[in-house]
Each structure stands twice: as structure tokens, then as C-alpha cells.
N, C-alpha and C. Protein backbone atom coordinates (compact mmCIF):
# COMPACT_ATOMS: atom_id res chain seq x y z
N MET A 1 3.54 11.86 -1.84
CA MET A 1 4.29 11.14 -2.88
C MET A 1 4.44 9.66 -2.55
N THR A 2 3.77 9.17 -1.51
CA THR A 2 3.87 7.76 -1.16
C THR A 2 3.20 6.90 -2.23
N GLU A 3 3.98 6.01 -2.83
CA GLU A 3 3.45 5.13 -3.87
C GLU A 3 3.42 3.67 -3.43
N LEU A 4 4.03 3.38 -2.27
CA LEU A 4 4.05 2.01 -1.76
C LEU A 4 4.12 2.06 -0.24
N VAL A 5 3.27 1.27 0.42
CA VAL A 5 3.33 1.13 1.87
C VAL A 5 3.87 -0.26 2.18
N ILE A 6 4.96 -0.31 2.94
CA ILE A 6 5.59 -1.57 3.31
C ILE A 6 5.30 -1.85 4.79
N PHE A 7 4.58 -2.92 5.04
CA PHE A 7 4.23 -3.29 6.41
C PHE A 7 5.18 -4.35 6.96
N ASP A 8 5.62 -4.16 8.19
CA ASP A 8 6.20 -5.26 8.94
C ASP A 8 5.06 -6.22 9.26
N CYS A 9 5.38 -7.41 9.75
CA CYS A 9 4.32 -8.38 10.05
C CYS A 9 4.03 -8.45 11.55
N ASP A 10 4.97 -8.99 12.32
CA ASP A 10 4.74 -9.20 13.75
C ASP A 10 4.65 -7.88 14.49
N GLY A 11 3.55 -7.68 15.20
CA GLY A 11 3.36 -6.47 15.97
C GLY A 11 2.75 -5.33 15.18
N VAL A 12 2.67 -5.48 13.85
CA VAL A 12 2.07 -4.46 12.99
C VAL A 12 0.80 -4.99 12.34
N LEU A 13 0.88 -6.16 11.75
CA LEU A 13 -0.29 -6.79 11.15
C LEU A 13 -0.93 -7.81 12.09
N VAL A 14 -0.10 -8.61 12.73
CA VAL A 14 -0.59 -9.63 13.66
C VAL A 14 -0.06 -9.34 15.05
N ASP A 15 -0.90 -9.52 16.05
CA ASP A 15 -0.54 -9.19 17.44
C ASP A 15 0.21 -10.34 18.08
N SER A 16 1.40 -10.59 17.55
CA SER A 16 2.18 -11.77 17.94
C SER A 16 3.30 -11.48 18.93
N GLU A 17 3.73 -10.22 19.04
CA GLU A 17 4.91 -9.94 19.85
C GLU A 17 4.71 -10.31 21.32
N ARG A 18 3.52 -10.09 21.85
CA ARG A 18 3.26 -10.45 23.25
C ARG A 18 3.42 -11.96 23.44
N ILE A 19 2.95 -12.70 22.45
CA ILE A 19 3.05 -14.16 22.53
C ILE A 19 4.51 -14.60 22.42
N TYR A 20 5.21 -14.07 21.41
CA TYR A 20 6.61 -14.43 21.24
C TYR A 20 7.44 -14.10 22.49
N CYS A 21 7.23 -12.93 23.04
CA CYS A 21 8.03 -12.51 24.19
C CYS A 21 7.80 -13.41 25.40
N ARG A 22 6.55 -13.79 25.63
CA ARG A 22 6.26 -14.68 26.75
C ARG A 22 6.91 -16.05 26.57
N VAL A 23 6.76 -16.61 25.36
CA VAL A 23 7.35 -17.93 25.11
C VAL A 23 8.87 -17.84 25.05
N ASP A 24 9.40 -16.74 24.52
CA ASP A 24 10.86 -16.53 24.54
C ASP A 24 11.41 -16.69 25.94
N ARG A 25 10.80 -16.04 26.90
CA ARG A 25 11.29 -16.09 28.28
C ARG A 25 11.26 -17.52 28.81
N GLU A 26 10.21 -18.26 28.46
CA GLU A 26 10.09 -19.65 28.90
C GLU A 26 11.20 -20.50 28.28
N VAL A 27 11.44 -20.31 26.97
CA VAL A 27 12.45 -21.09 26.26
C VAL A 27 13.84 -20.73 26.75
N PHE A 28 14.11 -19.44 26.91
CA PHE A 28 15.44 -19.02 27.36
C PHE A 28 15.73 -19.57 28.76
N ALA A 29 14.72 -19.61 29.61
CA ALA A 29 14.90 -20.16 30.96
C ALA A 29 15.23 -21.65 30.89
N LEU A 30 14.57 -22.36 29.98
CA LEU A 30 14.87 -23.78 29.82
C LEU A 30 16.31 -24.00 29.37
N LEU A 31 16.83 -23.05 28.61
CA LEU A 31 18.21 -23.14 28.14
C LEU A 31 19.21 -22.70 29.21
N GLY A 32 18.70 -22.03 30.26
CA GLY A 32 19.56 -21.58 31.34
C GLY A 32 19.85 -20.10 31.36
N ALA A 33 19.08 -19.33 30.60
CA ALA A 33 19.30 -17.87 30.54
C ALA A 33 18.04 -17.16 31.01
N GLU A 34 18.19 -16.30 32.00
CA GLU A 34 17.05 -15.55 32.52
C GLU A 34 17.04 -14.14 31.94
N PHE A 35 15.90 -13.73 31.43
CA PHE A 35 15.70 -12.37 30.92
C PHE A 35 14.44 -11.80 31.53
N THR A 36 14.46 -10.52 31.87
CA THR A 36 13.24 -9.88 32.33
C THR A 36 12.34 -9.60 31.12
N GLU A 37 11.08 -9.30 31.39
CA GLU A 37 10.16 -8.98 30.30
C GLU A 37 10.65 -7.74 29.54
N ALA A 38 11.14 -6.74 30.28
CA ALA A 38 11.62 -5.52 29.64
C ALA A 38 12.82 -5.80 28.74
N GLU A 39 13.71 -6.69 29.19
CA GLU A 39 14.87 -7.04 28.37
C GLU A 39 14.45 -7.71 27.07
N VAL A 40 13.50 -8.61 27.17
CA VAL A 40 13.04 -9.31 25.97
C VAL A 40 12.42 -8.33 24.98
N VAL A 41 11.61 -7.41 25.48
CA VAL A 41 10.99 -6.42 24.60
C VAL A 41 12.04 -5.54 23.95
N ASP A 42 12.95 -5.01 24.75
CA ASP A 42 13.94 -4.06 24.25
C ASP A 42 14.97 -4.69 23.31
N ARG A 43 15.32 -5.96 23.58
CA ARG A 43 16.43 -6.55 22.83
C ARG A 43 16.00 -7.48 21.70
N PHE A 44 14.80 -8.02 21.80
CA PHE A 44 14.43 -9.05 20.83
C PHE A 44 13.30 -8.68 19.88
N VAL A 45 12.41 -7.77 20.26
CA VAL A 45 11.30 -7.42 19.36
C VAL A 45 11.85 -6.82 18.07
N GLY A 46 11.51 -7.45 16.97
CA GLY A 46 11.98 -6.99 15.66
C GLY A 46 13.34 -7.47 15.25
N SER A 47 14.00 -8.26 16.08
CA SER A 47 15.35 -8.72 15.75
C SER A 47 15.30 -9.91 14.80
N SER A 48 16.41 -10.17 14.15
CA SER A 48 16.52 -11.35 13.30
C SER A 48 16.89 -12.55 14.17
N THR A 49 16.72 -13.75 13.63
CA THR A 49 17.10 -14.97 14.35
C THR A 49 18.57 -14.95 14.70
N GLU A 50 19.39 -14.41 13.80
CA GLU A 50 20.83 -14.36 14.04
C GLU A 50 21.15 -13.44 15.21
N MET A 51 20.49 -12.28 15.28
CA MET A 51 20.71 -11.36 16.39
C MET A 51 20.25 -11.97 17.70
N LEU A 52 19.08 -12.59 17.69
CA LEU A 52 18.55 -13.22 18.90
C LEU A 52 19.51 -14.28 19.40
N THR A 53 20.00 -15.12 18.50
CA THR A 53 20.91 -16.19 18.90
C THR A 53 22.20 -15.63 19.49
N ALA A 54 22.75 -14.58 18.89
CA ALA A 54 23.99 -13.98 19.39
C ALA A 54 23.81 -13.42 20.79
N ILE A 55 22.69 -12.74 21.04
CA ILE A 55 22.42 -12.18 22.38
C ILE A 55 22.24 -13.30 23.39
N LEU A 56 21.52 -14.34 22.99
CA LEU A 56 21.29 -15.47 23.89
C LEU A 56 22.59 -16.19 24.22
N GLU A 57 23.44 -16.40 23.22
CA GLU A 57 24.72 -17.07 23.46
C GLU A 57 25.60 -16.24 24.39
N GLU A 58 25.54 -14.93 24.24
CA GLU A 58 26.32 -14.06 25.12
C GLU A 58 25.86 -14.21 26.57
N ARG A 59 24.56 -14.27 26.79
CA ARG A 59 24.03 -14.44 28.14
C ARG A 59 24.36 -15.82 28.71
N LEU A 60 24.30 -16.84 27.86
CA LEU A 60 24.59 -18.20 28.29
C LEU A 60 26.08 -18.45 28.49
N GLY A 61 26.90 -17.73 27.74
CA GLY A 61 28.34 -17.94 27.80
C GLY A 61 28.79 -19.18 27.06
N ARG A 62 27.98 -19.62 26.12
CA ARG A 62 28.32 -20.80 25.32
C ARG A 62 27.59 -20.74 23.98
N PRO A 63 28.13 -21.42 22.97
CA PRO A 63 27.45 -21.42 21.67
C PRO A 63 26.27 -22.39 21.67
N LEU A 64 25.31 -22.13 20.81
CA LEU A 64 24.16 -23.00 20.63
C LEU A 64 24.27 -23.73 19.31
N GLU A 65 23.63 -24.87 19.22
CA GLU A 65 23.60 -25.59 17.95
C GLU A 65 22.89 -24.73 16.90
N PRO A 66 23.28 -24.85 15.62
CA PRO A 66 22.67 -24.02 14.58
C PRO A 66 21.14 -24.12 14.53
N ASP A 67 20.60 -25.28 14.84
CA ASP A 67 19.14 -25.46 14.78
C ASP A 67 18.52 -25.59 16.18
N TRP A 68 19.10 -24.90 17.16
CA TRP A 68 18.68 -25.05 18.55
C TRP A 68 17.20 -24.77 18.74
N HIS A 69 16.66 -23.84 17.96
CA HIS A 69 15.28 -23.40 18.15
C HIS A 69 14.24 -24.43 17.72
N ARG A 70 14.64 -25.41 16.90
CA ARG A 70 13.68 -26.37 16.39
C ARG A 70 13.00 -27.17 17.51
N ALA A 71 13.75 -27.45 18.56
CA ALA A 71 13.20 -28.25 19.66
C ALA A 71 12.08 -27.53 20.40
N TYR A 72 11.99 -26.22 20.22
CA TYR A 72 10.99 -25.43 20.97
C TYR A 72 9.91 -24.86 20.06
N LYS A 73 9.97 -25.17 18.78
CA LYS A 73 9.02 -24.60 17.82
C LYS A 73 7.57 -24.90 18.21
N HIS A 74 7.33 -26.09 18.74
CA HIS A 74 5.96 -26.47 19.08
C HIS A 74 5.36 -25.57 20.15
N LEU A 75 6.20 -25.01 21.03
CA LEU A 75 5.69 -24.12 22.08
C LEU A 75 5.15 -22.83 21.47
N TYR A 76 5.86 -22.30 20.49
CA TYR A 76 5.39 -21.10 19.81
C TYR A 76 4.14 -21.40 18.99
N ASP A 77 4.15 -22.51 18.25
CA ASP A 77 3.01 -22.85 17.40
C ASP A 77 1.73 -23.04 18.22
N GLU A 78 1.85 -23.71 19.35
CA GLU A 78 0.67 -23.95 20.18
C GLU A 78 0.09 -22.63 20.70
N ALA A 79 0.97 -21.73 21.13
CA ALA A 79 0.51 -20.44 21.65
C ALA A 79 -0.09 -19.58 20.54
N LEU A 80 0.54 -19.57 19.39
CA LEU A 80 0.04 -18.77 18.27
C LEU A 80 -1.30 -19.32 17.76
N ASP A 81 -1.41 -20.64 17.67
CA ASP A 81 -2.66 -21.25 17.23
C ASP A 81 -3.82 -20.86 18.14
N ALA A 82 -3.53 -20.77 19.43
CA ALA A 82 -4.58 -20.51 20.41
C ALA A 82 -4.90 -19.03 20.59
N GLU A 83 -3.91 -18.15 20.37
CA GLU A 83 -4.06 -16.77 20.81
C GLU A 83 -3.91 -15.69 19.74
N LEU A 84 -3.34 -16.01 18.59
CA LEU A 84 -2.99 -14.96 17.63
C LEU A 84 -4.22 -14.26 17.06
N THR A 85 -4.16 -12.93 17.01
CA THR A 85 -5.22 -12.12 16.42
C THR A 85 -4.59 -11.04 15.52
N VAL A 86 -5.44 -10.40 14.72
CA VAL A 86 -5.01 -9.26 13.92
C VAL A 86 -4.82 -8.06 14.85
N VAL A 87 -3.83 -7.24 14.57
CA VAL A 87 -3.67 -5.98 15.31
C VAL A 87 -4.93 -5.15 15.12
N ASP A 88 -5.43 -4.60 16.20
CA ASP A 88 -6.68 -3.85 16.14
C ASP A 88 -6.60 -2.71 15.11
N GLY A 89 -7.56 -2.68 14.20
CA GLY A 89 -7.62 -1.61 13.20
C GLY A 89 -6.95 -1.94 11.88
N VAL A 90 -6.16 -3.01 11.81
CA VAL A 90 -5.41 -3.31 10.59
C VAL A 90 -6.33 -3.60 9.41
N THR A 91 -7.36 -4.39 9.61
CA THR A 91 -8.27 -4.71 8.51
C THR A 91 -8.89 -3.44 7.93
N ASP A 92 -9.26 -2.52 8.80
CA ASP A 92 -9.82 -1.24 8.34
C ASP A 92 -8.81 -0.49 7.48
N VAL A 93 -7.56 -0.50 7.90
CA VAL A 93 -6.51 0.20 7.16
C VAL A 93 -6.32 -0.42 5.77
N LEU A 94 -6.22 -1.74 5.71
CA LEU A 94 -6.02 -2.41 4.43
C LEU A 94 -7.20 -2.18 3.49
N ASP A 95 -8.39 -2.14 4.05
CA ASP A 95 -9.58 -1.86 3.24
C ASP A 95 -9.56 -0.44 2.69
N ALA A 96 -8.98 0.48 3.47
CA ALA A 96 -9.03 1.90 3.11
C ALA A 96 -7.95 2.32 2.12
N LEU A 97 -6.78 1.69 2.18
CA LEU A 97 -5.66 2.13 1.34
C LEU A 97 -5.97 1.97 -0.14
N ASN A 98 -5.66 3.01 -0.90
CA ASN A 98 -5.86 2.99 -2.34
C ASN A 98 -4.52 3.13 -3.07
N VAL A 99 -3.45 2.66 -2.42
CA VAL A 99 -2.13 2.58 -3.03
C VAL A 99 -1.59 1.17 -2.78
N PRO A 100 -0.64 0.71 -3.58
CA PRO A 100 -0.09 -0.63 -3.38
C PRO A 100 0.56 -0.77 -2.01
N PHE A 101 0.49 -1.97 -1.46
CA PHE A 101 1.17 -2.27 -0.21
C PHE A 101 1.74 -3.68 -0.26
N CYS A 102 2.75 -3.92 0.58
CA CYS A 102 3.38 -5.24 0.64
C CYS A 102 3.86 -5.48 2.06
N LEU A 103 4.51 -6.59 2.26
CA LEU A 103 4.97 -6.99 3.60
C LEU A 103 6.46 -7.31 3.53
N ALA A 104 7.22 -6.85 4.53
CA ALA A 104 8.65 -7.16 4.62
C ALA A 104 8.99 -7.44 6.07
N SER A 105 9.40 -8.68 6.36
CA SER A 105 9.60 -9.11 7.74
C SER A 105 10.92 -9.85 7.90
N ASN A 106 11.50 -9.77 9.11
CA ASN A 106 12.69 -10.54 9.42
C ASN A 106 12.38 -12.03 9.56
N GLY A 107 11.10 -12.39 9.65
CA GLY A 107 10.73 -13.79 9.78
C GLY A 107 10.94 -14.56 8.49
N SER A 108 10.87 -15.87 8.59
CA SER A 108 10.98 -16.72 7.40
C SER A 108 9.67 -16.67 6.62
N HIS A 109 9.73 -17.05 5.36
CA HIS A 109 8.51 -17.10 4.56
C HIS A 109 7.48 -18.03 5.20
N ALA A 110 7.95 -19.16 5.72
CA ALA A 110 7.03 -20.13 6.31
C ALA A 110 6.31 -19.54 7.51
N SER A 111 7.05 -18.86 8.40
CA SER A 111 6.42 -18.31 9.61
C SER A 111 5.50 -17.14 9.26
N ILE A 112 5.89 -16.33 8.30
CA ILE A 112 5.04 -15.22 7.87
C ILE A 112 3.72 -15.76 7.35
N ARG A 113 3.79 -16.73 6.46
CA ARG A 113 2.58 -17.27 5.85
C ARG A 113 1.69 -17.96 6.88
N ARG A 114 2.31 -18.66 7.82
CA ARG A 114 1.51 -19.31 8.87
C ARG A 114 0.74 -18.29 9.68
N ASN A 115 1.42 -17.20 10.08
CA ASN A 115 0.76 -16.20 10.91
C ASN A 115 -0.33 -15.46 10.13
N LEU A 116 -0.07 -15.14 8.88
CA LEU A 116 -1.10 -14.48 8.07
C LEU A 116 -2.30 -15.40 7.87
N THR A 117 -2.03 -16.68 7.68
CA THR A 117 -3.11 -17.65 7.51
C THR A 117 -3.93 -17.77 8.79
N ARG A 118 -3.26 -17.77 9.93
CA ARG A 118 -3.96 -17.90 11.21
C ARG A 118 -5.01 -16.81 11.41
N VAL A 119 -4.74 -15.62 10.88
CA VAL A 119 -5.66 -14.49 11.12
C VAL A 119 -6.44 -14.10 9.87
N GLY A 120 -6.28 -14.86 8.79
CA GLY A 120 -7.06 -14.60 7.58
C GLY A 120 -6.57 -13.45 6.72
N LEU A 121 -5.28 -13.13 6.78
CA LEU A 121 -4.74 -12.02 5.99
C LEU A 121 -3.88 -12.45 4.81
N LEU A 122 -3.67 -13.74 4.64
CA LEU A 122 -2.73 -14.18 3.61
C LEU A 122 -3.11 -13.69 2.23
N ASP A 123 -4.41 -13.73 1.89
CA ASP A 123 -4.81 -13.33 0.55
C ASP A 123 -4.56 -11.85 0.29
N ARG A 124 -4.47 -11.05 1.36
CA ARG A 124 -4.21 -9.62 1.19
C ARG A 124 -2.79 -9.35 0.70
N PHE A 125 -1.87 -10.29 0.98
CA PHE A 125 -0.46 -10.06 0.68
C PHE A 125 0.15 -11.09 -0.26
N GLU A 126 -0.65 -12.02 -0.74
CA GLU A 126 -0.12 -13.07 -1.61
C GLU A 126 0.63 -12.45 -2.79
N GLY A 127 1.87 -12.95 -3.01
CA GLY A 127 2.70 -12.44 -4.09
C GLY A 127 3.46 -11.18 -3.76
N ARG A 128 3.24 -10.65 -2.55
CA ARG A 128 3.91 -9.41 -2.14
C ARG A 128 4.49 -9.55 -0.74
N ILE A 129 5.07 -10.73 -0.48
CA ILE A 129 5.66 -11.03 0.82
C ILE A 129 7.18 -11.14 0.67
N PHE A 130 7.92 -10.39 1.47
CA PHE A 130 9.38 -10.39 1.39
C PHE A 130 9.96 -10.72 2.77
N SER A 131 10.92 -11.62 2.77
CA SER A 131 11.53 -12.11 4.01
C SER A 131 13.01 -11.75 4.05
N ALA A 132 13.54 -11.63 5.27
CA ALA A 132 14.98 -11.39 5.42
C ALA A 132 15.80 -12.51 4.82
N ARG A 133 15.19 -13.68 4.64
CA ARG A 133 15.90 -14.80 4.01
C ARG A 133 16.18 -14.51 2.53
N ASP A 134 15.54 -13.49 1.98
CA ASP A 134 15.72 -13.14 0.57
C ASP A 134 16.95 -12.26 0.32
N VAL A 135 17.54 -11.73 1.39
CA VAL A 135 18.61 -10.74 1.25
C VAL A 135 19.79 -11.11 2.14
N PRO A 136 20.97 -10.52 1.90
CA PRO A 136 22.14 -10.85 2.73
C PRO A 136 21.97 -10.50 4.20
N ARG A 137 21.30 -9.37 4.48
CA ARG A 137 21.18 -8.90 5.87
C ARG A 137 19.74 -8.50 6.16
N GLY A 138 19.26 -8.93 7.33
CA GLY A 138 17.93 -8.51 7.75
C GLY A 138 17.99 -7.15 8.44
N LYS A 139 16.86 -6.70 8.94
CA LYS A 139 16.82 -5.45 9.71
C LYS A 139 17.71 -5.60 10.95
N PRO A 140 18.46 -4.58 11.32
CA PRO A 140 18.31 -3.16 10.99
C PRO A 140 19.01 -2.69 9.71
N ALA A 141 19.63 -3.60 8.96
CA ALA A 141 20.18 -3.21 7.66
C ALA A 141 19.03 -2.86 6.71
N PRO A 142 19.29 -2.03 5.70
CA PRO A 142 18.22 -1.60 4.79
C PRO A 142 17.90 -2.59 3.69
N ASP A 143 18.66 -3.68 3.58
CA ASP A 143 18.56 -4.60 2.45
C ASP A 143 17.14 -5.06 2.15
N LEU A 144 16.42 -5.47 3.18
CA LEU A 144 15.10 -6.04 2.97
C LEU A 144 14.12 -5.03 2.39
N PHE A 145 14.11 -3.81 2.94
CA PHE A 145 13.20 -2.80 2.43
C PHE A 145 13.57 -2.37 1.01
N LEU A 146 14.85 -2.29 0.74
CA LEU A 146 15.28 -1.93 -0.62
C LEU A 146 14.89 -3.03 -1.61
N HIS A 147 15.00 -4.27 -1.18
CA HIS A 147 14.60 -5.41 -2.03
C HIS A 147 13.10 -5.37 -2.30
N ALA A 148 12.31 -5.09 -1.27
CA ALA A 148 10.86 -5.02 -1.44
C ALA A 148 10.47 -3.91 -2.40
N ALA A 149 11.09 -2.74 -2.22
CA ALA A 149 10.78 -1.60 -3.10
C ALA A 149 11.16 -1.90 -4.54
N ALA A 150 12.34 -2.47 -4.74
CA ALA A 150 12.79 -2.80 -6.10
C ALA A 150 11.86 -3.83 -6.74
N SER A 151 11.45 -4.82 -5.97
CA SER A 151 10.56 -5.86 -6.50
C SER A 151 9.20 -5.29 -6.87
N MET A 152 8.76 -4.26 -6.14
CA MET A 152 7.46 -3.63 -6.41
C MET A 152 7.58 -2.49 -7.41
N GLY A 153 8.82 -2.17 -7.84
CA GLY A 153 9.03 -1.15 -8.85
C GLY A 153 8.82 0.28 -8.38
N VAL A 154 9.13 0.54 -7.10
CA VAL A 154 8.91 1.88 -6.54
C VAL A 154 10.23 2.40 -5.95
N PRO A 155 10.62 3.64 -6.24
CA PRO A 155 11.85 4.20 -5.66
C PRO A 155 11.75 4.28 -4.14
N PRO A 156 12.85 4.08 -3.42
CA PRO A 156 12.81 4.12 -1.96
C PRO A 156 12.21 5.39 -1.38
N GLU A 157 12.50 6.54 -1.99
CA GLU A 157 12.01 7.80 -1.44
C GLU A 157 10.50 7.96 -1.56
N ARG A 158 9.86 7.07 -2.30
CA ARG A 158 8.40 7.12 -2.43
C ARG A 158 7.72 5.98 -1.67
N CYS A 159 8.48 5.37 -0.76
CA CYS A 159 7.95 4.29 0.07
C CYS A 159 7.75 4.75 1.51
N ALA A 160 6.74 4.21 2.15
CA ALA A 160 6.50 4.43 3.57
C ALA A 160 6.53 3.07 4.26
N VAL A 161 7.22 3.00 5.38
CA VAL A 161 7.37 1.75 6.13
C VAL A 161 6.62 1.84 7.45
N VAL A 162 5.85 0.82 7.77
CA VAL A 162 5.12 0.77 9.03
C VAL A 162 5.77 -0.30 9.90
N GLU A 163 6.35 0.14 11.02
CA GLU A 163 7.14 -0.73 11.89
C GLU A 163 6.75 -0.55 13.35
N ASP A 164 7.12 -1.55 14.16
CA ASP A 164 6.86 -1.45 15.60
C ASP A 164 8.11 -1.66 16.42
N SER A 165 9.28 -1.72 15.78
CA SER A 165 10.51 -1.97 16.52
C SER A 165 11.60 -0.97 16.13
N PRO A 166 12.52 -0.69 17.03
CA PRO A 166 13.64 0.19 16.70
C PRO A 166 14.47 -0.36 15.53
N TYR A 167 14.62 -1.69 15.46
CA TYR A 167 15.39 -2.28 14.36
C TYR A 167 14.73 -1.97 13.02
N GLY A 168 13.42 -2.09 12.97
CA GLY A 168 12.70 -1.83 11.72
C GLY A 168 12.73 -0.37 11.32
N VAL A 169 12.55 0.51 12.30
CA VAL A 169 12.60 1.95 12.02
C VAL A 169 13.98 2.34 11.54
N GLN A 170 15.01 1.77 12.18
CA GLN A 170 16.39 2.06 11.76
C GLN A 170 16.62 1.60 10.32
N ALA A 171 16.08 0.43 9.95
CA ALA A 171 16.24 -0.08 8.59
C ALA A 171 15.54 0.82 7.58
N ALA A 172 14.35 1.31 7.94
CA ALA A 172 13.62 2.21 7.04
C ALA A 172 14.40 3.49 6.80
N ARG A 173 14.93 4.07 7.87
CA ARG A 173 15.72 5.29 7.71
C ARG A 173 16.94 5.05 6.83
N ALA A 174 17.62 3.91 7.07
CA ALA A 174 18.81 3.60 6.30
C ALA A 174 18.48 3.38 4.82
N ALA A 175 17.25 2.95 4.54
CA ALA A 175 16.83 2.73 3.16
C ALA A 175 16.36 4.01 2.48
N GLY A 176 16.29 5.11 3.23
CA GLY A 176 15.84 6.37 2.68
C GLY A 176 14.33 6.45 2.54
N MET A 177 13.62 5.73 3.40
CA MET A 177 12.16 5.69 3.36
C MET A 177 11.57 6.37 4.59
N ARG A 178 10.36 6.87 4.47
CA ARG A 178 9.68 7.43 5.63
C ARG A 178 9.24 6.31 6.55
N ALA A 179 9.43 6.50 7.84
CA ALA A 179 9.08 5.48 8.82
C ALA A 179 7.88 5.91 9.65
N PHE A 180 6.98 4.98 9.89
CA PHE A 180 5.83 5.19 10.74
C PHE A 180 5.92 4.16 11.86
N GLY A 181 6.23 4.63 13.07
CA GLY A 181 6.46 3.75 14.20
C GLY A 181 5.20 3.53 15.02
N TYR A 182 4.71 2.30 15.01
CA TYR A 182 3.48 1.96 15.75
C TYR A 182 3.85 1.59 17.18
N CYS A 183 3.37 2.39 18.14
CA CYS A 183 3.69 2.14 19.55
C CYS A 183 2.47 1.67 20.33
N GLY A 184 1.48 1.11 19.61
CA GLY A 184 0.30 0.60 20.28
C GLY A 184 0.47 -0.81 20.81
N GLY A 185 1.65 -1.38 20.64
CA GLY A 185 1.92 -2.73 21.12
C GLY A 185 2.85 -2.72 22.32
N LEU A 186 4.02 -3.35 22.17
CA LEU A 186 4.95 -3.47 23.29
C LEU A 186 6.02 -2.39 23.32
N THR A 187 6.40 -1.87 22.17
CA THR A 187 7.53 -0.94 22.11
C THR A 187 7.12 0.46 22.54
N ARG A 188 7.92 1.05 23.43
CA ARG A 188 7.64 2.41 23.90
C ARG A 188 7.85 3.42 22.77
N ALA A 189 7.08 4.49 22.82
CA ALA A 189 7.16 5.53 21.79
C ALA A 189 8.56 6.13 21.70
N ASP A 190 9.22 6.31 22.85
CA ASP A 190 10.53 6.97 22.83
C ASP A 190 11.59 6.13 22.12
N ARG A 191 11.35 4.84 21.95
CA ARG A 191 12.32 3.98 21.27
C ARG A 191 12.12 4.00 19.75
N LEU A 192 11.07 4.66 19.30
CA LEU A 192 10.78 4.73 17.86
C LEU A 192 11.00 6.12 17.28
N THR A 193 11.07 7.11 18.13
CA THR A 193 11.17 8.49 17.65
C THR A 193 12.52 8.75 16.98
N GLY A 194 12.52 9.71 16.06
CA GLY A 194 13.75 10.08 15.38
C GLY A 194 13.45 10.75 14.06
N ALA A 195 14.49 11.03 13.31
CA ALA A 195 14.36 11.71 12.02
C ALA A 195 13.49 10.93 11.06
N GLU A 196 12.66 11.65 10.31
CA GLU A 196 11.83 11.04 9.28
C GLU A 196 10.92 9.94 9.82
N THR A 197 10.49 10.07 11.07
CA THR A 197 9.66 9.04 11.68
C THR A 197 8.44 9.66 12.34
N VAL A 198 7.27 9.14 12.01
CA VAL A 198 6.03 9.53 12.65
C VAL A 198 5.63 8.41 13.60
N VAL A 199 5.42 8.73 14.88
CA VAL A 199 5.06 7.73 15.87
C VAL A 199 3.57 7.85 16.18
N PHE A 200 2.86 6.73 16.20
CA PHE A 200 1.42 6.74 16.45
C PHE A 200 1.02 5.49 17.22
N ASP A 201 -0.13 5.54 17.90
CA ASP A 201 -0.53 4.40 18.73
C ASP A 201 -1.89 3.80 18.37
N ASP A 202 -2.54 4.32 17.34
CA ASP A 202 -3.82 3.80 16.90
C ASP A 202 -3.72 3.49 15.40
N MET A 203 -3.81 2.21 15.05
CA MET A 203 -3.60 1.81 13.66
C MET A 203 -4.58 2.49 12.71
N ARG A 204 -5.77 2.82 13.19
CA ARG A 204 -6.76 3.45 12.32
C ARG A 204 -6.35 4.86 11.88
N GLU A 205 -5.36 5.44 12.55
CA GLU A 205 -4.87 6.76 12.18
C GLU A 205 -3.95 6.71 10.96
N LEU A 206 -3.48 5.51 10.61
CA LEU A 206 -2.42 5.39 9.62
C LEU A 206 -2.75 6.00 8.25
N PRO A 207 -3.90 5.73 7.65
CA PRO A 207 -4.15 6.33 6.32
C PRO A 207 -4.03 7.85 6.32
N GLY A 208 -4.55 8.50 7.36
CA GLY A 208 -4.45 9.95 7.44
C GLY A 208 -3.02 10.41 7.61
N LEU A 209 -2.24 9.68 8.40
CA LEU A 209 -0.84 10.04 8.61
C LEU A 209 -0.03 9.86 7.32
N LEU A 210 -0.35 8.82 6.57
CA LEU A 210 0.35 8.56 5.32
C LEU A 210 0.06 9.63 4.27
N GLY A 211 -1.14 10.20 4.33
CA GLY A 211 -1.53 11.17 3.33
C GLY A 211 -1.71 10.58 1.95
N VAL A 212 -2.20 9.33 1.92
CA VAL A 212 -2.37 8.65 0.63
C VAL A 212 -3.87 8.54 0.31
N PRO A 213 -4.20 8.31 -0.96
CA PRO A 213 -5.63 8.14 -1.31
C PRO A 213 -6.23 6.95 -0.56
N VAL A 214 -7.47 7.11 -0.15
CA VAL A 214 -8.18 6.02 0.52
C VAL A 214 -9.48 5.74 -0.24
N VAL A 215 -9.96 4.54 -0.07
CA VAL A 215 -11.20 4.13 -0.72
C VAL A 215 -12.39 4.73 0.02
């Protein structure tokens, strides 16, 4: 009964999480906060900017300026320009799906579009991109997925969400949608498992797991 597939962006469509996590640690250290690689993966992958800032401020013991991240944007851009690739198998999946699909990410519209452009996927999602900036609350709240489904004209119970983070999977469950947790990146499988969730590690398996028509 899946009539719409909703893809997360980072870590699902583009292999950006490894890059973000590495640069995150560098930036946080410059600010005076040390995080292990495991901490960054567990606490920040899939989080909103607001959540990231709150965790960072807690570790620092002081508030940050509202636009603190702007001073470090060039570090992320340089790394993404040099290293960003499509998640292995994603192009095959998009070619195979014979049902509508869209994108819903905690990132800003600008960052989503830049990353899709970097890997040549923007035309696949043009006009069907939804950002947490469009709703009151980003993931793990269900607002973003519900907004995407409503905009695409599909009831939540007929939507499938493809995510790579616990925050995203939690948002899908809260929205009443089936969740497909991709553990082929940084997030461990055990952090994605739960009710109404299928966990998989090879993106090429997705069409079969969805049970939707393919080309």
C-alpha cells in the first residue's frame, strides 16, 4: 500500500555524514568542546541545528551566538566540495522506483540543494524537497514527514520513510509511517530497530523491501 517514499538526505541519498562528523569534531574542538567520534555519531547524526547547538552549549557550559556556525561554514563546504558522493546504490533505487518519492531533511533548503547539486541528484527531487525550516519542529518530531505527505497528497499510513538516524526513525514512527532504517553508513543497526521498522544495510535492497512497483 506504499504510495509515497520519503527519503532523508544526509546519509541516505548523499554520503555526507562521515564528512560532517569529522568536521564537527574539528569545529567543536576549536570552540573548546571535545567529543569522541562515537559521541558525534550517536548524538548528532540526524539532529537538527537547534539540538546540536543545545548539546554543544551543555558541553561548553556557556551559550553560543545565534549564528555561531557561520564562521565555520567554509570548512564544511570545502570538505563536501572535495569528497561528497552519492550513497552507493541510490541511483539504481531511484531509477527502479515506480511510485512517487520526495525528500524530507532537517537541513536547510540551501544546504539540501547544494548537496544534491554536488552529486547530480537535484533534478530527481526538484519541487519535492521539504526542510525542517518549513515546520515548527524538526525530527524527531513528526511535523516534517506529515508536512511532506500532506504536500504530496498521500495519507501518512501509505508513506514509507527511508532514514539513517534514530531521530529520523523516531519521527517516522510518530507520524504513523513505515520506517526503513539504513545502517550501511555510520549508525549501528541496533540504534534503528523497533516497531514498524525494517533495518537494512544495502541500498539496492530497498525496492524489494518496500514491496512497491519497480521499472
